[in-house]
PDB file of N, CA and C in Angstrom:
ATOM      1  N   UNK A   1       7.615  13.995 -25.559  1.00  0.00           N
ATOM      2  CA  UNK A   1       7.268  15.294 -26.019  1.00  0.00           C
ATOM      3  C   UNK A   1       8.495  16.194 -25.666  1.00  0.00           C
ATOM      4  N   UNK A   2       8.853  16.987 -26.576  1.00  0.00           N
ATOM      5  CA  UNK A   2       9.925  17.890 -26.204  1.00  0.00           C
ATOM      6  C   UNK A   2       9.388  19.353 -26.265  1.00  0.00           C
ATOM      7  N   UNK A   3      10.029  20.232 -25.419  1.00  0.00           N
ATOM      8  CA  UNK A   3       9.812  21.594 -25.463  1.00  0.00           C
ATOM      9  C   UNK A   3      10.945  22.264 -26.191  1.00  0.00           C
ATOM     10  N   UNK A   4      10.683  23.277 -27.046  1.00  0.00           N
ATOM     11  CA  UNK A   4      11.639  24.086 -27.744  1.00  0.00           C
ATOM     12  C   UNK A   4      12.189  25.187 -26.873  1.00  0.00           C
ATOM     13  N   UNK A   5      11.724  25.397 -25.712  1.00  0.00           N
ATOM     14  CA  UNK A   5      12.159  26.409 -24.776  1.00  0.00           C
ATOM     15  C   UNK A   5      13.467  26.093 -24.197  1.00  0.00           C
ATOM     16  N   UNK A   6      13.768  26.712 -23.060  1.00  0.00           N
ATOM     17  CA  UNK A   6      15.020  26.324 -22.300  1.00  0.00           C
ATOM     18  C   UNK A   6      14.774  25.330 -21.320  1.00  0.00           C
ATOM     19  N   UNK A   7      15.834  24.675 -20.863  1.00  0.00           N
ATOM     20  CA  UNK A   7      15.779  23.747 -19.887  1.00  0.00           C
ATOM     21  C   UNK A   7      15.285  24.305 -18.575  1.00  0.00           C
ATOM     22  N   UNK A   8      14.742  23.418 -17.728  1.00  0.00           N
ATOM     23  CA  UNK A   8      14.230  23.740 -16.378  1.00  0.00           C
ATOM     24  C   UNK A   8      15.474  23.754 -15.434  1.00  0.00           C
ATOM     25  N   UNK A   9      15.580  24.888 -14.592  1.00  0.00           N
ATOM     26  CA  UNK A   9      16.706  24.884 -13.619  1.00  0.00           C
ATOM     27  C   UNK A   9      16.752  23.637 -12.883  1.00  0.00           C
ATOM     28  N   UNK A  10      17.906  23.215 -12.564  1.00  0.00           N
ATOM     29  CA  UNK A  10      18.224  21.840 -11.834  1.00  0.00           C
ATOM     30  C   UNK A  10      17.471  21.793 -10.573  1.00  0.00           C
ATOM     31  N   UNK A  11      17.280  22.790  -9.799  1.00  0.00           N
ATOM     32  CA  UNK A  11      16.642  22.589  -8.506  1.00  0.00           C
ATOM     33  C   UNK A  11      15.155  22.515  -8.686  1.00  0.00           C
ATOM     34  N   UNK A  12      14.584  23.111  -9.613  1.00  0.00           N
ATOM     35  CA  UNK A  12      13.176  23.077  -9.952  1.00  0.00           C
ATOM     36  C   UNK A  12      12.947  21.725 -10.605  1.00  0.00           C
ATOM     37  N   UNK A  13      13.649  21.233 -11.444  1.00  0.00           N
ATOM     38  CA  UNK A  13      13.622  19.953 -12.007  1.00  0.00           C
ATOM     39  C   UNK A  13      13.580  18.827 -10.970  1.00  0.00           C
ATOM     40  N   UNK A  14      14.466  18.871 -10.073  1.00  0.00           N
ATOM     41  CA  UNK A  14      14.580  17.853  -9.065  1.00  0.00           C
ATOM     42  C   UNK A  14      13.267  17.860  -8.097  1.00  0.00           C
ATOM     43  N   UNK A  15      12.748  19.056  -7.918  1.00  0.00           N
ATOM     44  CA  UNK A  15      11.588  19.208  -7.081  1.00  0.00           C
ATOM     45  C   UNK A  15      10.244  18.587  -7.851  1.00  0.00           C
ATOM     46  N   UNK A  16      10.181  18.857  -9.132  1.00  0.00           N
ATOM     47  CA  UNK A  16       9.192  18.282  -9.994  1.00  0.00           C
ATOM     48  C   UNK A  16       9.194  16.795 -10.011  1.00  0.00           C
ATOM     49  N   UNK A  17      10.556  16.235 -10.220  1.00  0.00           N
ATOM     50  CA  UNK A  17      10.776  14.805 -10.287  1.00  0.00           C
ATOM     51  C   UNK A  17      10.280  14.123  -8.930  1.00  0.00           C
ATOM     52  N   UNK A  18      10.669  14.807  -7.892  1.00  0.00           N
ATOM     53  CA  UNK A  18      10.421  14.186  -6.611  1.00  0.00           C
ATOM     54  C   UNK A  18       8.792  14.182  -6.321  1.00  0.00           C
ATOM     55  N   UNK A  19       8.184  15.338  -6.874  1.00  0.00           N
ATOM     56  CA  UNK A  19       6.614  15.259  -6.664  1.00  0.00           C
ATOM     57  C   UNK A  19       5.999  14.184  -7.537  1.00  0.00           C
ATOM     58  N   UNK A  20       6.561  13.843  -8.697  1.00  0.00           N
ATOM     59  CA  UNK A  20       6.063  12.664  -9.555  1.00  0.00           C
ATOM     60  C   UNK A  20       6.327  11.461  -8.849  1.00  0.00           C
ATOM     61  N   UNK A  21       7.463  11.205  -8.191  1.00  0.00           N
ATOM     62  CA  UNK A  21       7.776  10.049  -7.572  1.00  0.00           C
ATOM     63  C   UNK A  21       6.843   9.810  -6.280  1.00  0.00           C
ATOM     64  N   UNK A  22       6.644  10.959  -5.591  1.00  0.00           N
ATOM     65  CA  UNK A  22       5.858  10.845  -4.223  1.00  0.00           C
ATOM     66  C   UNK A  22       4.432  10.992  -4.459  1.00  0.00           C
ATOM     67  N   UNK A  23       4.032  11.372  -5.667  1.00  0.00           N
ATOM     68  CA  UNK A  23       2.550  11.617  -6.113  1.00  0.00           C
ATOM     69  C   UNK A  23       1.978  12.736  -5.156  1.00  0.00           C
ATOM     70  N   UNK A  24       2.796  13.704  -4.803  1.00  0.00           N
ATOM     71  CA  UNK A  24       2.313  14.800  -4.037  1.00  0.00           C
ATOM     72  C   UNK A  24       2.877  16.153  -4.680  1.00  0.00           C
ATOM     73  N   UNK A  25       2.003  17.243  -4.803  1.00  0.00           N
ATOM     74  CA  UNK A  25       2.506  18.395  -5.381  1.00  0.00           C
ATOM     75  C   UNK A  25       3.688  19.036  -4.571  1.00  0.00           C
ATOM     76  N   UNK A  26       4.441  19.957  -5.196  1.00  0.00           N
ATOM     77  CA  UNK A  26       5.411  20.564  -4.448  1.00  0.00           C
ATOM     78  C   UNK A  26       4.853  21.502  -3.327  1.00  0.00           C
ATOM     79  N   UNK A  27       5.136  21.288  -2.045  1.00  0.00           N
ATOM     80  CA  UNK A  27       4.430  22.115  -1.008  1.00  0.00           C
ATOM     81  C   UNK A  27       5.153  23.515  -1.013  1.00  0.00           C
ATOM     82  N   UNK A  28       4.167  24.485  -0.782  1.00  0.00           N
ATOM     83  CA  UNK A  28       4.634  25.896  -0.703  1.00  0.00           C
ATOM     84  C   UNK A  28       5.123  26.611  -1.956  1.00  0.00           C
ATOM     85  N   UNK A  29       4.900  25.863  -3.057  1.00  0.00           N
ATOM     86  CA  UNK A  29       5.436  26.426  -4.281  1.00  0.00           C
ATOM     87  C   UNK A  29       4.287  27.158  -4.988  1.00  0.00           C
ATOM     88  N   UNK A  30       4.609  28.277  -5.617  1.00  0.00           N
ATOM     89  CA  UNK A  30       3.593  29.027  -6.389  1.00  0.00           C
ATOM     90  C   UNK A  30       3.124  28.206  -7.719  1.00  0.00           C
ATOM     91  N   UNK A  31       4.109  27.484  -8.241  1.00  0.00           N
ATOM     92  CA  UNK A  31       3.820  26.523  -9.335  1.00  0.00           C
ATOM     93  C   UNK A  31       3.999  25.208  -8.846  1.00  0.00           C
ATOM     94  N   UNK A  32       3.165  24.665  -8.160  1.00  0.00           N
ATOM     95  CA  UNK A  32       3.155  23.497  -7.418  1.00  0.00           C
ATOM     96  C   UNK A  32       3.301  22.205  -8.176  1.00  0.00           C
ATOM     97  N   UNK A  33       3.221  22.125  -9.502  1.00  0.00           N
ATOM     98  CA  UNK A  33       3.233  20.946 -10.357  1.00  0.00           C
ATOM     99  C   UNK A  33       2.041  20.052 -10.107  1.00  0.00           C
ATOM    100  N   UNK A  34       0.912  20.646  -9.646  1.00  0.00           N
ATOM    101  CA  UNK A  34      -0.225  19.812  -9.293  1.00  0.00           C
ATOM    102  C   UNK A  34      -0.647  19.151 -10.515  1.00  0.00           C
ATOM    103  N   UNK A  35      -0.852  19.871 -11.607  1.00  0.00           N
ATOM    104  CA  UNK A  35      -1.250  19.247 -12.931  1.00  0.00           C
ATOM    105  C   UNK A  35      -0.429  18.004 -13.288  1.00  0.00           C
ATOM    106  N   UNK A  36       0.751  18.210 -13.447  1.00  0.00           N
ATOM    107  CA  UNK A  36       1.741  17.028 -13.672  1.00  0.00           C
ATOM    108  C   UNK A  36       1.425  15.811 -12.802  1.00  0.00           C
ATOM    109  N   UNK A  37       1.387  16.196 -11.385  1.00  0.00           N
ATOM    110  CA  UNK A  37       1.257  15.197 -10.356  1.00  0.00           C
ATOM    111  C   UNK A  37      -0.103  14.446 -10.521  1.00  0.00           C
ATOM    112  N   UNK A  38      -1.100  15.197 -10.860  1.00  0.00           N
ATOM    113  CA  UNK A  38      -2.490  14.594 -10.975  1.00  0.00           C
ATOM    114  C   UNK A  38      -2.572  13.770 -12.148  1.00  0.00           C
ATOM    115  N   UNK A  39      -2.093  14.175 -13.414  1.00  0.00           N
ATOM    116  CA  UNK A  39      -2.020  13.429 -14.435  1.00  0.00           C
ATOM    117  C   UNK A  39      -1.181  12.087 -14.319  1.00  0.00           C
ATOM    118  N   UNK A  40      -0.021  12.234 -13.759  1.00  0.00           N
ATOM    119  CA  UNK A  40       0.800  11.017 -13.472  1.00  0.00           C
ATOM    120  C   UNK A  40       0.084  10.045 -12.485  1.00  0.00           C
ATOM    121  N   UNK A  41      -0.530  10.646 -11.472  1.00  0.00           N
ATOM    122  CA  UNK A  41      -1.246   9.778 -10.422  1.00  0.00           C
ATOM    123  C   UNK A  41      -2.468   9.073 -11.198  1.00  0.00           C
ATOM    124  N   UNK A  42      -3.079   9.765 -11.968  1.00  0.00           N
ATOM    125  CA  UNK A  42      -4.271   9.028 -12.680  1.00  0.00           C
ATOM    126  C   UNK A  42      -3.823   7.993 -13.565  1.00  0.00           C
ATOM    127  N   UNK A  43      -2.654   8.170 -14.271  1.00  0.00           N
ATOM    128  CA  UNK A  43      -2.116   7.076 -15.160  1.00  0.00           C
ATOM    129  C   UNK A  43      -1.801   5.911 -14.285  1.00  0.00           C
ATOM    130  N   UNK A  44      -1.126   6.201 -13.212  1.00  0.00           N
ATOM    131  CA  UNK A  44      -0.658   5.103 -12.295  1.00  0.00           C
ATOM    132  C   UNK A  44      -1.789   4.414 -11.634  1.00  0.00           C
ATOM    133  N   UNK A  45      -2.797   5.034 -11.284  1.00  0.00           N
ATOM    134  CA  UNK A  45      -3.953   4.379 -10.713  1.00  0.00           C
ATOM    135  C   UNK A  45      -4.715   3.445 -11.820  1.00  0.00           C
ATOM    136  N   UNK A  46      -4.773   4.057 -13.017  1.00  0.00           N
ATOM    137  CA  UNK A  46      -5.555   3.283 -14.023  1.00  0.00           C
ATOM    138  C   UNK A  46      -4.700   2.016 -14.531  1.00  0.00           C
ATOM    139  N   UNK A  47      -3.363   2.250 -14.803  1.00  0.00           N
ATOM    140  CA  UNK A  47      -2.611   1.223 -15.368  1.00  0.00           C
ATOM    141  C   UNK A  47      -1.709   0.390 -14.340  1.00  0.00           C
ATOM    142  N   UNK A  48      -1.398   1.041 -13.166  1.00  0.00           N
ATOM    143  CA  UNK A  48      -0.605   0.257 -12.041  1.00  0.00           C
ATOM    144  C   UNK A  48       0.637   0.957 -11.929  1.00  0.00           C
ATOM    145  N   UNK A  49       1.404   0.438 -10.842  1.00  0.00           N
ATOM    146  CA  UNK A  49       2.750   1.081 -10.530  1.00  0.00           C
ATOM    147  C   UNK A  49       3.630   0.856 -11.769  1.00  0.00           C
ATOM    148  N   UNK A  50       4.552   1.868 -11.849  1.00  0.00           N
ATOM    149  CA  UNK A  50       5.452   1.881 -12.988  1.00  0.00           C
ATOM    150  C   UNK A  50       4.985   2.679 -14.164  1.00  0.00           C
ATOM    151  N   UNK A  51       3.835   3.108 -14.241  1.00  0.00           N
ATOM    152  CA  UNK A  51       3.292   3.873 -15.294  1.00  0.00           C
ATOM    153  C   UNK A  51       2.952   5.317 -14.865  1.00  0.00           C
ATOM    154  N   UNK A  52       3.100   6.297 -15.724  1.00  0.00           N
ATOM    155  CA  UNK A  52       2.937   7.689 -15.441  1.00  0.00           C
ATOM    156  C   UNK A  52       3.615   8.659 -16.203  1.00  0.00           C
ATOM    157  N   UNK A  53       4.017   9.760 -15.679  1.00  0.00           N
ATOM    158  CA  UNK A  53       4.857  10.806 -16.362  1.00  0.00           C
ATOM    159  C   UNK A  53       6.232  10.921 -15.744  1.00  0.00           C
ATOM    160  N   UNK A  54       7.100  11.300 -16.586  1.00  0.00           N
ATOM    161  CA  UNK A  54       8.562  11.710 -16.139  1.00  0.00           C
ATOM    162  C   UNK A  54       8.976  12.836 -16.956  1.00  0.00           C
ATOM    163  N   UNK A  55       9.617  13.798 -16.326  1.00  0.00           N
ATOM    164  CA  UNK A  55      10.188  14.999 -16.959  1.00  0.00           C
ATOM    165  C   UNK A  55      11.671  15.085 -16.573  1.00  0.00           C
ATOM    166  N   UNK A  56      12.350  15.529 -17.647  1.00  0.00           N
ATOM    167  CA  UNK A  56      13.837  15.626 -17.630  1.00  0.00           C
ATOM    168  C   UNK A  56      14.279  16.578 -18.595  1.00  0.00           C
ATOM    169  N   UNK A  57      15.527  17.187 -18.383  1.00  0.00           N
ATOM    170  CA  UNK A  57      16.174  18.036 -19.320  1.00  0.00           C
ATOM    171  C   UNK A  57      17.014  17.110 -20.275  1.00  0.00           C
ATOM    172  N   UNK A  58      16.883  17.445 -21.533  1.00  0.00           N
ATOM    173  CA  UNK A  58      17.774  16.566 -22.609  1.00  0.00           C
ATOM    174  C   UNK A  58      19.102  17.254 -22.710  1.00  0.00           C
ATOM    175  N   UNK A  59      19.974  16.453 -23.445  1.00  0.00           N
ATOM    176  CA  UNK A  59      21.304  17.033 -23.570  1.00  0.00           C
ATOM    177  C   UNK A  59      21.397  18.327 -24.313  1.00  0.00           C
ATOM    178  N   UNK A  60      20.392  18.522 -25.195  1.00  0.00           N
ATOM    179  CA  UNK A  60      20.528  19.795 -26.012  1.00  0.00           C
ATOM    180  C   UNK A  60      19.698  20.962 -25.325  1.00  0.00           C
ATOM    181  N   UNK A  61      19.515  20.854 -24.077  1.00  0.00           N
ATOM    182  CA  UNK A  61      18.824  21.930 -23.205  1.00  0.00           C
ATOM    183  C   UNK A  61      17.356  22.063 -23.483  1.00  0.00           C
ATOM    184  N   UNK A  62      16.730  21.026 -23.909  1.00  0.00           N
ATOM    185  CA  UNK A  62      15.305  21.055 -24.021  1.00  0.00           C
ATOM    186  C   UNK A  62      14.653  20.326 -22.872  1.00  0.00           C
ATOM    187  N   UNK A  63      13.324  20.352 -22.813  1.00  0.00           N
ATOM    188  CA  UNK A  63      12.630  19.618 -21.716  1.00  0.00           C
ATOM    189  C   UNK A  63      11.898  18.390 -22.369  1.00  0.00           C
ATOM    190  N   UNK A  64      12.116  17.247 -21.768  1.00  0.00           N
ATOM    191  CA  UNK A  64      11.487  16.115 -22.381  1.00  0.00           C
ATOM    192  C   UNK A  64      10.458  15.509 -21.295  1.00  0.00           C
ATOM    193  N   UNK A  65       9.279  15.349 -21.787  1.00  0.00           N
ATOM    194  CA  UNK A  65       8.176  14.749 -20.878  1.00  0.00           C
ATOM    195  C   UNK A  65       7.806  13.405 -21.508  1.00  0.00           C
ATOM    196  N   UNK A  66       7.956  12.382 -20.713  1.00  0.00           N
ATOM    197  CA  UNK A  66       7.699  10.972 -21.156  1.00  0.00           C
ATOM    198  C   UNK A  66       6.420  10.514 -20.557  1.00  0.00           C
ATOM    199  N   UNK A  67       5.655   9.991 -21.255  1.00  0.00           N
ATOM    200  CA  UNK A  67       4.295   9.283 -20.728  1.00  0.00           C
ATOM    201  C   UNK A  67       4.527   7.777 -20.978  1.00  0.00           C
ATOM    202  N   UNK A  68       4.531   7.050 -19.917  1.00  0.00           N
ATOM    203  CA  UNK A  68       4.592   5.570 -19.872  1.00  0.00           C
ATOM    204  C   UNK A  68       3.338   4.928 -19.553  1.00  0.00           C
ATOM    205  N   UNK A  69       2.819   4.199 -20.588  1.00  0.00           N
ATOM    206  CA  UNK A  69       1.660   3.451 -20.475  1.00  0.00           C
ATOM    207  C   UNK A  69       1.821   2.069 -21.082  1.00  0.00           C
ATOM    208  N   UNK A  70       1.094   0.985 -20.682  1.00  0.00           N
ATOM    209  CA  UNK A  70       1.366  -0.366 -21.330  1.00  0.00           C
ATOM    210  C   UNK A  70       0.998  -0.306 -22.805  1.00  0.00           C
ATOM    211  N   UNK A  71       1.623  -1.224 -23.433  1.00  0.00           N
ATOM    212  CA  UNK A  71       1.169  -1.502 -24.790  1.00  0.00           C
ATOM    213  C   UNK A  71       0.097  -2.464 -24.745  1.00  0.00           C
ATOM    214  N   UNK A  72      -1.102  -2.131 -25.396  1.00  0.00           N
ATOM    215  CA  UNK A  72      -2.277  -3.055 -25.350  1.00  0.00           C
ATOM    216  C   UNK A  72      -2.499  -3.472 -26.846  1.00  0.00           C
ATOM    217  N   UNK A  73      -2.460  -4.670 -27.188  1.00  0.00           N
ATOM    218  CA  UNK A  73      -2.651  -5.090 -28.491  1.00  0.00           C
ATOM    219  C   UNK A  73      -4.133  -5.551 -28.575  1.00  0.00           C
ATOM    220  N   UNK A  74      -4.933  -4.976 -29.528  1.00  0.00           N
ATOM    221  CA  UNK A  74      -6.368  -5.394 -29.816  1.00  0.00           C
ATOM    222  C   UNK A  74      -6.295  -6.638 -30.549  1.00  0.00           C
ATOM    223  N   UNK A  75      -7.193  -7.620 -30.217  1.00  0.00           N
ATOM    224  CA  UNK A  75      -7.245  -8.807 -30.946  1.00  0.00           C
ATOM    225  C   UNK A  75      -8.523  -8.833 -31.784  1.00  0.00           C
TER     226      UNK A  75
END
């Protein structure tokens, strides 16, 4: 998914990425990223380690959110 808004400031982006890695919201922050952390944690619990959300700035100053889940083929 891409945002058509502006990129996230680097310090805030690093804090959000760290919260996704550690599975804990950003402490003491007004916008603690608890929603992103919660969704990523639920995906990881359901599918296992290595699955969840990742957020980054793209080269054209947009924000990209990646959702990683396993491919399941129905037989």
